[in-house]
Each structure stands twice: as structure tokens, then as C-alpha cells.
Amino acid sequence: MSGKDLIINEIDRLPEELLPEILDFIKFLEVKEENTIHSSQVLSERIFKKIWDNAEDAAYDAL
């Protein structure tokens, strides 16, 4: 049984009044993941800017 199947089985056993809390947690995880990806991209951009932003590569900037 996959992890997804295990989670679905557990959710099926929960009382209906707890489902909004589960949904909130899922949405929290989605936002957390998006923020992690965005933060990584921003950090990488800063690091690579030092490497890419130079006179030798200026010709490629116009492409």
C-alpha cells in the first residue's frame, strides 16, 4: 500500500469535524513547499549573479 493510500485510509477514519483541520494542514504544506522553492531560487540567483554578471558574458545578455 502506498503512502497516499495509507493517508487516505486514515482520513476516511476521522470524524467529519476534523476534516477542515486536515485541509488547513495540507494547504500549509503546499505554501511551505512553494516558499522553500522560491527561497532556493532567490538564493541561487544571488549566487549565480556574481558568476554570470560579468563583461565576458555581456554579449549573451542581449540574446
PDB file of N, CA and C in Angstrom:
ATOM      1  N   MET A   1       0.848  -1.177   0.000  1.00  0.00           N
ATOM      2  CA  MET A   1       0.000   0.000   0.000  1.00  0.00           C
ATOM      3  C   MET A   1       0.897   1.245   0.000  1.00  0.00           C
ATOM      4  N   SER A   2       0.587   2.186  -0.852  1.00  0.00           N
ATOM      5  CA  SER A   2       1.396   3.397  -0.967  1.00  0.00           C
ATOM      6  C   SER A   2       1.133   4.346   0.206  1.00  0.00           C
ATOM      7  N   GLY A   3       2.026   5.320   0.351  1.00  0.00           N
ATOM      8  CA  GLY A   3       1.839   6.322   1.393  1.00  0.00           C
ATOM      9  C   GLY A   3       0.548   7.090   1.222  1.00  0.00           C
ATOM     10  N   LYS A   4       0.214   7.371  -0.034  1.00  0.00           N
ATOM     11  CA  LYS A   4      -1.029   8.090  -0.314  1.00  0.00           C
ATOM     12  C   LYS A   4      -2.235   7.268   0.131  1.00  0.00           C
ATOM     13  N   ASP A   5      -2.203   5.971  -0.148  1.00  0.00           N
ATOM     14  CA  ASP A   5      -3.300   5.092   0.269  1.00  0.00           C
ATOM     15  C   ASP A   5      -3.430   5.049   1.791  1.00  0.00           C
ATOM     16  N   LEU A   6      -2.296   5.005   2.484  1.00  0.00           N
ATOM     17  CA  LEU A   6      -2.324   4.990   3.954  1.00  0.00           C
ATOM     18  C   LEU A   6      -2.953   6.272   4.503  1.00  0.00           C
ATOM     19  N   ILE A   7      -2.579   7.393   3.907  1.00  0.00           N
ATOM     20  CA  ILE A   7      -3.130   8.676   4.356  1.00  0.00           C
ATOM     21  C   ILE A   7      -4.630   8.736   4.092  1.00  0.00           C
ATOM     22  N   ILE A   8      -5.053   8.294   2.920  1.00  0.00           N
ATOM     23  CA  ILE A   8      -6.482   8.296   2.588  1.00  0.00           C
ATOM     24  C   ILE A   8      -7.255   7.412   3.563  1.00  0.00           C
ATOM     25  N   ASN A   9      -6.691   6.252   3.893  1.00  0.00           N
ATOM     26  CA  ASN A   9      -7.358   5.365   4.853  1.00  0.00           C
ATOM     27  C   ASN A   9      -7.501   6.029   6.219  1.00  0.00           C
ATOM     28  N   GLU A  10      -6.475   6.711   6.651  1.00  0.00           N
ATOM     29  CA  GLU A  10      -6.544   7.414   7.935  1.00  0.00           C
ATOM     30  C   GLU A  10      -7.574   8.537   7.895  1.00  0.00           C
ATOM     31  N   ILE A  11      -7.606   9.285   6.797  1.00  0.00           N
ATOM     32  CA  ILE A  11      -8.583  10.367   6.662  1.00  0.00           C
ATOM     33  C   ILE A  11      -9.999   9.811   6.676  1.00  0.00           C
ATOM     34  N   ASP A  12     -10.193   8.683   6.018  1.00  0.00           N
ATOM     35  CA  ASP A  12     -11.528   8.064   5.996  1.00  0.00           C
ATOM     36  C   ASP A  12     -12.014   7.671   7.393  1.00  0.00           C
ATOM     37  N   ARG A  13     -11.087   7.424   8.296  1.00  0.00           N
ATOM     38  CA  ARG A  13     -11.461   7.022   9.657  1.00  0.00           C
ATOM     39  C   ARG A  13     -11.743   8.208  10.576  1.00  0.00           C
ATOM     40  N   LEU A  14     -11.364   9.398  10.154  1.00  0.00           N
ATOM     41  CA  LEU A  14     -11.538  10.576  11.010  1.00  0.00           C
ATOM     42  C   LEU A  14     -12.993  11.042  11.033  1.00  0.00           C
ATOM     43  N   PRO A  15     -13.373  11.666  12.143  1.00  0.00           N
ATOM     44  CA  PRO A  15     -14.707  12.285  12.186  1.00  0.00           C
ATOM     45  C   PRO A  15     -14.761  13.493  11.234  1.00  0.00           C
ATOM     46  N   GLU A  16     -15.907  13.728  10.684  1.00  0.00           N
ATOM     47  CA  GLU A  16     -16.110  14.798   9.697  1.00  0.00           C
ATOM     48  C   GLU A  16     -15.640  16.169  10.205  1.00  0.00           C
ATOM     49  N   GLU A  17     -15.821  16.427  11.500  1.00  0.00           N
ATOM     50  CA  GLU A  17     -15.472  17.759  12.025  1.00  0.00           C
ATOM     51  C   GLU A  17     -13.957  18.022  12.031  1.00  0.00           C
ATOM     52  N   LEU A  18     -13.133  16.989  11.879  1.00  0.00           N
ATOM     53  CA  LEU A  18     -11.677  17.185  11.817  1.00  0.00           C
ATOM     54  C   LEU A  18     -11.161  17.431  10.399  1.00  0.00           C
ATOM     55  N   LEU A  19     -11.977  17.184   9.407  1.00  0.00           N
ATOM     56  CA  LEU A  19     -11.534  17.317   8.022  1.00  0.00           C
ATOM     57  C   LEU A  19     -11.101  18.739   7.641  1.00  0.00           C
ATOM     58  N   PRO A  20     -11.788  19.793   8.111  1.00  0.00           N
ATOM     59  CA  PRO A  20     -11.288  21.139   7.795  1.00  0.00           C
ATOM     60  C   PRO A  20      -9.870  21.383   8.332  1.00  0.00           C
ATOM     61  N   GLU A  21      -9.564  20.810   9.490  1.00  0.00           N
ATOM     62  CA  GLU A  21      -8.224  20.954  10.052  1.00  0.00           C
ATOM     63  C   GLU A  21      -7.187  20.228   9.185  1.00  0.00           C
ATOM     64  N   ILE A  22      -7.558  19.072   8.673  1.00  0.00           N
ATOM     65  CA  ILE A  22      -6.671  18.328   7.776  1.00  0.00           C
ATOM     66  C   ILE A  22      -6.435  19.128   6.502  1.00  0.00           C
ATOM     67  N   LEU A  23      -7.488  19.710   5.964  1.00  0.00           N
ATOM     68  CA  LEU A  23      -7.361  20.532   4.759  1.00  0.00           C
ATOM     69  C   LEU A  23      -6.446  21.727   5.014  1.00  0.00           C
ATOM     70  N   ASP A  24      -6.612  22.381   6.162  1.00  0.00           N
ATOM     71  CA  ASP A  24      -5.732  23.500   6.517  1.00  0.00           C
ATOM     72  C   ASP A  24      -4.272  23.059   6.561  1.00  0.00           C
ATOM     73  N   PHE A  25      -4.019  21.889   7.119  1.00  0.00           N
ATOM     74  CA  PHE A  25      -2.653  21.385   7.212  1.00  0.00           C
ATOM     75  C   PHE A  25      -2.085  21.099   5.821  1.00  0.00           C
ATOM     76  N   ILE A  26      -2.888  20.523   4.952  1.00  0.00           N
ATOM     77  CA  ILE A  26      -2.441  20.255   3.586  1.00  0.00           C
ATOM     78  C   ILE A  26      -2.085  21.559   2.882  1.00  0.00           C
ATOM     79  N   LYS A  27      -2.934  22.554   3.039  1.00  0.00           N
ATOM     80  CA  LYS A  27      -2.664  23.860   2.417  1.00  0.00           C
ATOM     81  C   LYS A  27      -1.399  24.495   3.001  1.00  0.00           C
ATOM     82  N   PHE A  28      -1.186  24.337   4.307  1.00  0.00           N
ATOM     83  CA  PHE A  28       0.034  24.823   4.943  1.00  0.00           C
ATOM     84  C   PHE A  28       1.262  24.172   4.298  1.00  0.00           C
ATOM     85  N   LEU A  29       1.206  22.867   4.094  1.00  0.00           N
ATOM     86  CA  LEU A  29       2.327  22.154   3.485  1.00  0.00           C
ATOM     87  C   LEU A  29       2.597  22.637   2.060  1.00  0.00           C
ATOM     88  N   GLU A  30       1.531  22.916   1.321  1.00  0.00           N
ATOM     89  CA  GLU A  30       1.692  23.423  -0.040  1.00  0.00           C
ATOM     90  C   GLU A  30       2.386  24.784  -0.047  1.00  0.00           C
ATOM     91  N   VAL A  31       1.957  25.676   0.827  1.00  0.00           N
ATOM     92  CA  VAL A  31       2.560  27.008   0.913  1.00  0.00           C
ATOM     93  C   VAL A  31       4.012  26.895   1.361  1.00  0.00           C
ATOM     94  N   LYS A  32       4.261  26.041   2.316  1.00  0.00           N
ATOM     95  CA  LYS A  32       5.625  25.833   2.805  1.00  0.00           C
ATOM     96  C   LYS A  32       6.537  25.372   1.671  1.00  0.00           C
ATOM     97  N   GLU A  33       6.056  24.444   0.866  1.00  0.00           N
ATOM     98  CA  GLU A  33       6.834  23.932  -0.266  1.00  0.00           C
ATOM     99  C   GLU A  33       7.100  25.040  -1.283  1.00  0.00           C
ATOM    100  N   GLU A  34       6.068  25.823  -1.596  1.00  0.00           N
ATOM    101  CA  GLU A  34       6.228  26.932  -2.539  1.00  0.00           C
ATOM    102  C   GLU A  34       7.252  27.938  -2.024  1.00  0.00           C
ATOM    103  N   ASN A  35       7.191  28.252  -0.741  1.00  0.00           N
ATOM    104  CA  ASN A  35       8.135  29.202  -0.161  1.00  0.00           C
ATOM    105  C   ASN A  35       9.560  28.656  -0.184  1.00  0.00           C
ATOM    106  N   THR A  36       9.719  27.367   0.055  1.00  0.00           N
ATOM    107  CA  THR A  36      11.039  26.746   0.031  1.00  0.00           C
ATOM    108  C   THR A  36      11.623  26.819  -1.369  1.00  0.00           C
ATOM    109  N   ILE A  37      10.826  26.504  -2.365  1.00  0.00           N
ATOM    110  CA  ILE A  37      11.296  26.562  -3.757  1.00  0.00           C
ATOM    111  C   ILE A  37      11.654  27.989  -4.119  1.00  0.00           C
ATOM    112  N   HIS A  38      10.787  28.943  -3.773  1.00  0.00           N
ATOM    113  CA  HIS A  38      11.047  30.347  -4.092  1.00  0.00           C
ATOM    114  C   HIS A  38      12.311  30.833  -3.391  1.00  0.00           C
ATOM    115  N   SER A  39      12.488  30.493  -2.133  1.00  0.00           N
ATOM    116  CA  SER A  39      13.671  30.918  -1.384  1.00  0.00           C
ATOM    117  C   SER A  39      14.935  30.358  -2.019  1.00  0.00           C
ATOM    118  N   SER A  40      14.885  29.116  -2.443  1.00  0.00           N
ATOM    119  CA  SER A  40      16.039  28.495  -3.088  1.00  0.00           C
ATOM    120  C   SER A  40      16.380  29.210  -4.392  1.00  0.00           C
ATOM    121  N   GLN A  41      15.351  29.579  -5.141  1.00  0.00           N
ATOM    122  CA  GLN A  41      15.583  30.272  -6.400  1.00  0.00           C
ATOM    123  C   GLN A  41      16.207  31.644  -6.160  1.00  0.00           C
ATOM    124  N   VAL A  42      15.736  32.354  -5.155  1.00  0.00           N
ATOM    125  CA  VAL A  42      16.276  33.678  -4.847  1.00  0.00           C
ATOM    126  C   VAL A  42      17.730  33.566  -4.404  1.00  0.00           C
ATOM    127  N   LEU A  43      18.025  32.610  -3.540  1.00  0.00           N
ATOM    128  CA  LEU A  43      19.397  32.425  -3.086  1.00  0.00           C
ATOM    129  C   LEU A  43      20.313  32.037  -4.241  1.00  0.00           C
ATOM    130  N   SER A  44      19.846  31.150  -5.098  1.00  0.00           N
ATOM    131  CA  SER A  44      20.652  30.740  -6.246  1.00  0.00           C
ATOM    132  C   SER A  44      20.898  31.914  -7.181  1.00  0.00           C
ATOM    133  N   GLU A  45      19.878  32.712  -7.386  1.00  0.00           N
ATOM    134  CA  GLU A  45      20.017  33.857  -8.282  1.00  0.00           C
ATOM    135  C   GLU A  45      21.095  34.807  -7.776  1.00  0.00           C
ATOM    136  N   ARG A  46      21.116  35.051  -6.494  1.00  0.00           N
ATOM    137  CA  ARG A  46      22.131  35.939  -5.928  1.00  0.00           C
ATOM    138  C   ARG A  46      23.539  35.384  -6.120  1.00  0.00           C
ATOM    139  N   ILE A  47      23.688  34.107  -5.909  1.00  0.00           N
ATOM    140  CA  ILE A  47      24.996  33.480  -6.048  1.00  0.00           C
ATOM    141  C   ILE A  47      25.449  33.480  -7.504  1.00  0.00           C
ATOM    142  N   PHE A  48      24.553  33.066  -8.401  1.00  0.00           N
ATOM    143  CA  PHE A  48      24.920  32.982  -9.808  1.00  0.00           C
ATOM    144  C   PHE A  48      25.070  34.345 -10.462  1.00  0.00           C
ATOM    145  N   LYS A  49      24.419  35.363  -9.925  1.00  0.00           N
ATOM    146  CA  LYS A  49      24.554  36.711 -10.490  1.00  0.00           C
ATOM    147  C   LYS A  49      26.015  37.135 -10.481  1.00  0.00           C
ATOM    148  N   LYS A  50      26.737  36.791  -9.426  1.00  0.00           N
ATOM    149  CA  LYS A  50      28.160  37.128  -9.349  1.00  0.00           C
ATOM    150  C   LYS A  50      28.953  36.431 -10.454  1.00  0.00           C
ATOM    151  N   ILE A  51      28.518  35.225 -10.803  1.00  0.00           N
ATOM    152  CA  ILE A  51      29.224  34.465 -11.831  1.00  0.00           C
ATOM    153  C   ILE A  51      28.815  34.933 -13.226  1.00  0.00           C
ATOM    154  N   TRP A  52      27.517  35.149 -13.443  1.00  0.00           N
ATOM    155  CA  TRP A  52      27.015  35.459 -14.775  1.00  0.00           C
ATOM    156  C   TRP A  52      27.128  36.933 -15.148  1.00  0.00           C
ATOM    157  N   ASP A  53      27.111  37.800 -14.183  1.00  0.00           N
ATOM    158  CA  ASP A  53      27.103  39.233 -14.459  1.00  0.00           C
ATOM    159  C   ASP A  53      28.542  39.729 -14.572  1.00  0.00           C
ATOM    160  N   ASN A  54      29.112  39.525 -15.758  1.00  0.00           N
ATOM    161  CA  ASN A  54      30.493  39.959 -15.974  1.00  0.00           C
ATOM    162  C   ASN A  54      30.657  40.417 -17.415  1.00  0.00           C
ATOM    163  N   ALA A  55      31.754  41.093 -17.689  1.00  0.00           N
ATOM    164  CA  ALA A  55      31.985  41.672 -19.016  1.00  0.00           C
ATOM    165  C   ALA A  55      32.100  40.610 -20.104  1.00  0.00           C
ATOM    166  N   GLU A  56      32.698  39.474 -19.791  1.00  0.00           N
ATOM    167  CA  GLU A  56      32.868  38.422 -20.793  1.00  0.00           C
ATOM    168  C   GLU A  56      31.533  37.874 -21.296  1.00  0.00           C
ATOM    169  N   ASP A  57      30.552  37.840 -20.437  1.00  0.00           N
ATOM    170  CA  ASP A  57      29.260  37.279 -20.797  1.00  0.00           C
ATOM    171  C   ASP A  57      28.239  38.327 -21.250  1.00  0.00           C
ATOM    172  N   ALA A  58      28.637  39.569 -21.337  1.00  0.00           N
ATOM    173  CA  ALA A  58      27.713  40.657 -21.685  1.00  0.00           C
ATOM    174  C   ALA A  58      27.070  40.431 -23.054  1.00  0.00           C
ATOM    175  N   ALA A  59      27.789  39.830 -23.993  1.00  0.00           N
ATOM    176  CA  ALA A  59      27.244  39.580 -25.322  1.00  0.00           C
ATOM    177  C   ALA A  59      26.030  38.659 -25.260  1.00  0.00           C
ATOM    178  N   TYR A  60      26.015  37.744 -24.321  1.00  0.00           N
ATOM    179  CA  TYR A  60      24.904  36.804 -24.191  1.00  0.00           C
ATOM    180  C   TYR A  60      23.668  37.457 -23.577  1.00  0.00           C
ATOM    181  N   ASP A  61      23.832  38.547 -22.866  1.00  0.00           N
ATOM    182  CA  ASP A  61      22.701  39.220 -22.239  1.00  0.00           C
ATOM    183  C   ASP A  61      21.711  39.754 -23.262  1.00  0.00           C
ATOM    184  N   ALA A  62      22.190  40.065 -24.458  1.00  0.00           N
ATOM    185  CA  ALA A  62      21.326  40.636 -25.497  1.00  0.00           C
ATOM    186  C   ALA A  62      20.516  39.577 -26.237  1.00  0.00           C
ATOM    187  N   LEU A  63      20.825  38.314 -26.033  1.00  0.00           N
ATOM    188  CA  LEU A  63      20.126  37.250 -26.768  1.00  0.00           C
ATOM    189  C   LEU A  63      18.721  37.032 -26.266  1.00  0.00           C
TER     190      LEU A  63
END
